[in-house]
Each structure stands twice: as C-alpha cells, then as structure tokens.
Amino acid sequence: MPWLIGLHTPDEDRWFYRERVFPACHVWGQFDGDELNGIVAFRDGWIEQLYVLPSVQGRGVGTELLDVAKGAWERLELWTFQRNAPARRFYEMRGFTLVEETDGVRNEEKEPDAHYLWRRQ
C-alpha cells in the first residue's frame, strides 16, 4: 500500500505494537526458518492486523494465519481499505462478507474503508 508510506516513523510503529497490539491481542507469526513471513493479531472477534510479506503472498501464509483466528472465534470482523483490492478478494474468497463501506473520515489515514464479517458455518 504505497499510499501509506511515511504515515508513521519506525519508532512510532514499534511503540504501537509494543503498547497497543501486543498487550491487547493474540499475535501469531508464520516463519520460514528465522524469517518472519507474516503476522495476524486478533482479539474479541476482531482481526486487528494481518500482514504477509509481498514476496510470499499467494503461498498460503495469509490463509494459515487467518485460520488461527478463525479457530479461536465463532465470528470475526475486520476493516480494510476499499482500494486494497487484493486484500478484499482474499477475505471474500475465505468467507468474509462486506458489511459496510465508509468514506474514511473515522480512520487515521482518512482512506475509504470496507468493514467485513465472517461467521463459522
């Protein structure tokens, strides 16, 4: 998502994970040896973060991480940006349905977003 580059400094990103994500979420990583390929952070029926390195996308890493969260909750919700078409396809192919789209006024990036929901069958 090149349109978000520079939104935060690396120090701000480290603070966010240390103070907000790690204390509040279950965080799982997918590794190839010592290399971290992706992470999922989830809590209380919400996917807070799902990230897979671009170099390993399309190899099942995201599905594996998403399945960890699906195994923990009967329903999951998440937000993604409307223009992030690959993410939207990824979630829709894994059973998430669109709940709403917003103009982005409520998010930090001011980027139109999409709210998704998944329920266990």
C-alpha atoms as a PDB file:
ATOM      1  CA  MET A   1       0.000   0.000   0.000  1.00  0.00           C
ATOM      2  CA  PRO A   2       2.371   2.676  -1.220  1.00  0.00           C
ATOM      3  CA  TRP A   3      -0.160   5.417  -0.440  1.00  0.00           C
ATOM      4  CA  LEU A   4       0.512   4.811   3.283  1.00  0.00           C
ATOM      5  CA  ILE A   5       4.311   5.000   3.188  1.00  0.00           C
ATOM      6  CA  GLY A   6       5.575   7.551   5.664  1.00  0.00           C
ATOM      7  CA  LEU A   7       2.386   7.708   7.718  1.00  0.00           C
ATOM      8  CA  HIS A   8       4.384   6.730  10.817  1.00  0.00           C
ATOM      9  CA  THR A   9       8.046   6.553  11.688  1.00  0.00           C
ATOM     10  CA  PRO A  10       9.589   3.181  12.567  1.00  0.00           C
ATOM     11  CA  ASP A  11       9.747   4.322  16.217  1.00  0.00           C
ATOM     12  CA  GLU A  12       6.031   5.121  16.155  1.00  0.00           C
ATOM     13  CA  ASP A  13       5.295   1.704  14.627  1.00  0.00           C
ATOM     14  CA  ARG A  14       7.350  -0.036  17.340  1.00  0.00           C
ATOM     15  CA  TRP A  15       5.526   1.939  20.041  1.00  0.00           C
ATOM     16  CA  PHE A  16       2.147   0.999  18.532  1.00  0.00           C
ATOM     17  CA  TYR A  17       2.916  -2.718  18.544  1.00  0.00           C
ATOM     18  CA  ARG A  18       4.558  -2.666  21.975  1.00  0.00           C
ATOM     19  CA  GLU A  19       1.857  -0.565  23.695  1.00  0.00           C
ATOM     20  CA  ARG A  20      -1.321  -1.358  21.736  1.00  0.00           C
ATOM     21  CA  VAL A  21      -1.104  -4.593  19.782  1.00  0.00           C
ATOM     22  CA  PHE A  22       0.927  -6.974  21.967  1.00  0.00           C
ATOM     23  CA  PRO A  23      -0.897  -6.220  25.254  1.00  0.00           C
ATOM     24  CA  ALA A  24      -4.402  -6.464  23.742  1.00  0.00           C
ATOM     25  CA  CYS A  25      -4.158  -9.116  21.014  1.00  0.00           C
ATOM     26  CA  HIS A  26      -3.226 -12.692  20.366  1.00  0.00           C
ATOM     27  CA  VAL A  27      -0.349 -12.393  17.897  1.00  0.00           C
ATOM     28  CA  TRP A  28       0.796 -15.269  15.722  1.00  0.00           C
ATOM     29  CA  GLY A  29       3.605 -15.309  13.206  1.00  0.00           C
ATOM     30  CA  GLN A  30       4.433 -17.565  10.296  1.00  0.00           C
ATOM     31  CA  PHE A  31       8.132 -18.239   9.876  1.00  0.00           C
ATOM     32  CA  ASP A  32      10.379 -19.806   7.277  1.00  0.00           C
ATOM     33  CA  GLY A  33      13.371 -20.661   9.437  1.00  0.00           C
ATOM     34  CA  ASP A  34      14.343 -17.405  11.111  1.00  0.00           C
ATOM     35  CA  GLU A  35      12.425 -15.207   8.653  1.00  0.00           C
ATOM     36  CA  LEU A  36       9.047 -13.845   9.682  1.00  0.00           C
ATOM     37  CA  ASN A  37       6.753 -14.107   6.653  1.00  0.00           C
ATOM     38  CA  GLY A  38       3.570 -12.728   8.176  1.00  0.00           C
ATOM     39  CA  ILE A  39       1.574 -11.979  11.297  1.00  0.00           C
ATOM     40  CA  VAL A  40      -2.005 -11.954  12.477  1.00  0.00           C
ATOM     41  CA  ALA A  41      -3.150 -10.035  15.556  1.00  0.00           C
ATOM     42  CA  PHE A  42      -6.693 -10.655  16.785  1.00  0.00           C
ATOM     43  CA  ARG A  43      -8.877 -10.063  19.828  1.00  0.00           C
ATOM     44  CA  ASP A  44     -12.524 -10.281  20.848  1.00  0.00           C
ATOM     45  CA  GLY A  45     -13.773 -11.315  17.424  1.00  0.00           C
ATOM     46  CA  TRP A  46     -11.715  -8.749  15.511  1.00  0.00           C
ATOM     47  CA  ILE A  47      -8.759  -9.105  13.189  1.00  0.00           C
ATOM     48  CA  GLU A  48      -6.649  -6.092  14.122  1.00  0.00           C
ATOM     49  CA  GLN A  49      -3.694  -6.799  11.838  1.00  0.00           C
ATOM     50  CA  LEU A  50      -2.963  -9.300   9.085  1.00  0.00           C
ATOM     51  CA  TYR A  51       0.219  -8.773   7.140  1.00  0.00           C
ATOM     52  CA  VAL A  52       2.122 -11.041   4.774  1.00  0.00           C
ATOM     53  CA  LEU A  53       5.383 -10.069   3.121  1.00  0.00           C
ATOM     54  CA  PRO A  54       4.778  -9.336  -0.563  1.00  0.00           C
ATOM     55  CA  SER A  55       7.477 -11.853  -1.543  1.00  0.00           C
ATOM     56  CA  VAL A  56       5.474 -14.765  -0.049  1.00  0.00           C
ATOM     57  CA  GLN A  57       1.928 -13.688  -0.893  1.00  0.00           C
ATOM     58  CA  GLY A  58      -0.022 -16.346  -2.762  1.00  0.00           C
ATOM     59  CA  ARG A  59       1.695 -19.213  -0.923  1.00  0.00           C
ATOM     60  CA  GLY A  60      -0.903 -19.844   1.787  1.00  0.00           C
ATOM     61  CA  VAL A  61       0.722 -17.798   4.552  1.00  0.00           C
ATOM     62  CA  GLY A  62      -2.229 -15.428   4.945  1.00  0.00           C
ATOM     63  CA  THR A  63      -4.746 -18.282   4.898  1.00  0.00           C
ATOM     64  CA  GLU A  64      -2.762 -20.152   7.546  1.00  0.00           C
ATOM     65  CA  LEU A  65      -2.671 -17.098   9.796  1.00  0.00           C
ATOM     66  CA  LEU A  66      -6.326 -16.262   9.222  1.00  0.00           C
ATOM     67  CA  ASP A  67      -7.266 -19.859  10.084  1.00  0.00           C
ATOM     68  CA  VAL A  68      -5.645 -19.421  13.512  1.00  0.00           C
ATOM     69  CA  ALA A  69      -8.026 -16.557  14.264  1.00  0.00           C
ATOM     70  CA  LYS A  70     -10.998 -18.403  12.750  1.00  0.00           C
ATOM     71  CA  GLY A  71     -10.263 -21.325  15.053  1.00  0.00           C
ATOM     72  CA  ALA A  72     -10.489 -19.053  18.096  1.00  0.00           C
ATOM     73  CA  TRP A  73     -13.777 -17.248  17.368  1.00  0.00           C
ATOM     74  CA  GLU A  74     -17.242 -18.038  16.010  1.00  0.00           C
ATOM     75  CA  ARG A  75     -17.272 -14.718  14.163  1.00  0.00           C
ATOM     76  CA  LEU A  76     -14.622 -12.252  13.085  1.00  0.00           C
ATOM     77  CA  GLU A  77     -14.764  -8.699  11.833  1.00  0.00           C
ATOM     78  CA  LEU A  78     -12.130  -6.547  10.186  1.00  0.00           C
ATOM     79  CA  TRP A  79     -11.552  -3.356   8.262  1.00  0.00           C
ATOM     80  CA  THR A  80      -9.533  -2.974   5.092  1.00  0.00           C
ATOM     81  CA  PHE A  81      -9.132  -0.124   2.657  1.00  0.00           C
ATOM     82  CA  GLN A  82     -11.558  -0.024  -0.261  1.00  0.00           C
ATOM     83  CA  ARG A  83      -8.751   0.370  -2.772  1.00  0.00           C
ATOM     84  CA  ASN A  84      -6.856  -2.648  -1.414  1.00  0.00           C
ATOM     85  CA  ALA A  85      -8.417  -4.961  -3.999  1.00  0.00           C
ATOM     86  CA  PRO A  86      -6.077  -7.915  -3.336  1.00  0.00           C
ATOM     87  CA  ALA A  87      -6.989  -7.912   0.377  1.00  0.00           C
ATOM     88  CA  ARG A  88     -10.680  -7.633  -0.390  1.00  0.00           C
ATOM     89  CA  ARG A  89     -10.506 -10.600  -2.800  1.00  0.00           C
ATOM     90  CA  PHE A  90      -8.502 -12.559  -0.215  1.00  0.00           C
ATOM     91  CA  TYR A  91     -11.102 -12.048   2.534  1.00  0.00           C
ATOM     92  CA  GLU A  92     -14.104 -12.607   0.275  1.00  0.00           C
ATOM     93  CA  MET A  93     -12.626 -15.887  -1.016  1.00  0.00           C
ATOM     94  CA  ARG A  94     -12.303 -17.021   2.603  1.00  0.00           C
ATOM     95  CA  GLY A  95     -15.918 -16.415   3.549  1.00  0.00           C
ATOM     96  CA  PHE A  96     -15.946 -12.785   4.696  1.00  0.00           C
ATOM     97  CA  THR A  97     -18.873 -10.659   3.562  1.00  0.00           C
ATOM     98  CA  LEU A  98     -18.974  -6.915   3.142  1.00  0.00           C
ATOM     99  CA  VAL A  99     -20.952  -5.178   5.909  1.00  0.00           C
ATOM    100  CA  GLU A 100     -20.378  -1.521   5.061  1.00  0.00           C
ATOM    101  CA  GLU A 101     -18.148   0.917   3.251  1.00  0.00           C
ATOM    102  CA  THR A 102     -17.225   4.315   4.667  1.00  0.00           C
ATOM    103  CA  ASP A 103     -15.612   7.471   3.358  1.00  0.00           C
ATOM    104  CA  GLY A 104     -12.682   7.031   5.771  1.00  0.00           C
ATOM    105  CA  VAL A 105     -13.427  10.073   7.886  1.00  0.00           C
ATOM    106  CA  ARG A 106     -13.235   7.908  11.049  1.00  0.00           C
ATOM    107  CA  ASN A 107      -9.847   6.320  10.365  1.00  0.00           C
ATOM    108  CA  GLU A 108      -6.412   7.806  10.895  1.00  0.00           C
ATOM    109  CA  GLU A 109      -5.465   7.530   7.244  1.00  0.00           C
ATOM    110  CA  LYS A 110      -8.665   9.274   6.030  1.00  0.00           C
ATOM    111  CA  GLU A 111      -8.868   6.480   3.471  1.00  0.00           C
ATOM    112  CA  PRO A 112     -12.233   4.997   2.369  1.00  0.00           C
ATOM    113  CA  ASP A 113     -12.550   1.622   4.035  1.00  0.00           C
ATOM    114  CA  ALA A 114     -14.584  -1.569   3.999  1.00  0.00           C
ATOM    115  CA  HIS A 115     -15.924  -3.478   7.009  1.00  0.00           C
ATOM    116  CA  TYR A 116     -16.105  -7.287   6.666  1.00  0.00           C
ATOM    117  CA  LEU A 117     -17.703 -10.061   8.732  1.00  0.00           C
ATOM    118  CA  TRP A 118     -17.110 -13.818   8.858  1.00  0.00           C
ATOM    119  CA  ARG A 119     -19.247 -16.343  10.738  1.00  0.00           C
ATOM    120  CA  ARG A 120     -18.460 -20.001  11.341  1.00  0.00           C
ATOM    121  CA  GLN A 121     -20.902 -22.250   9.474  1.00  0.00           C
END
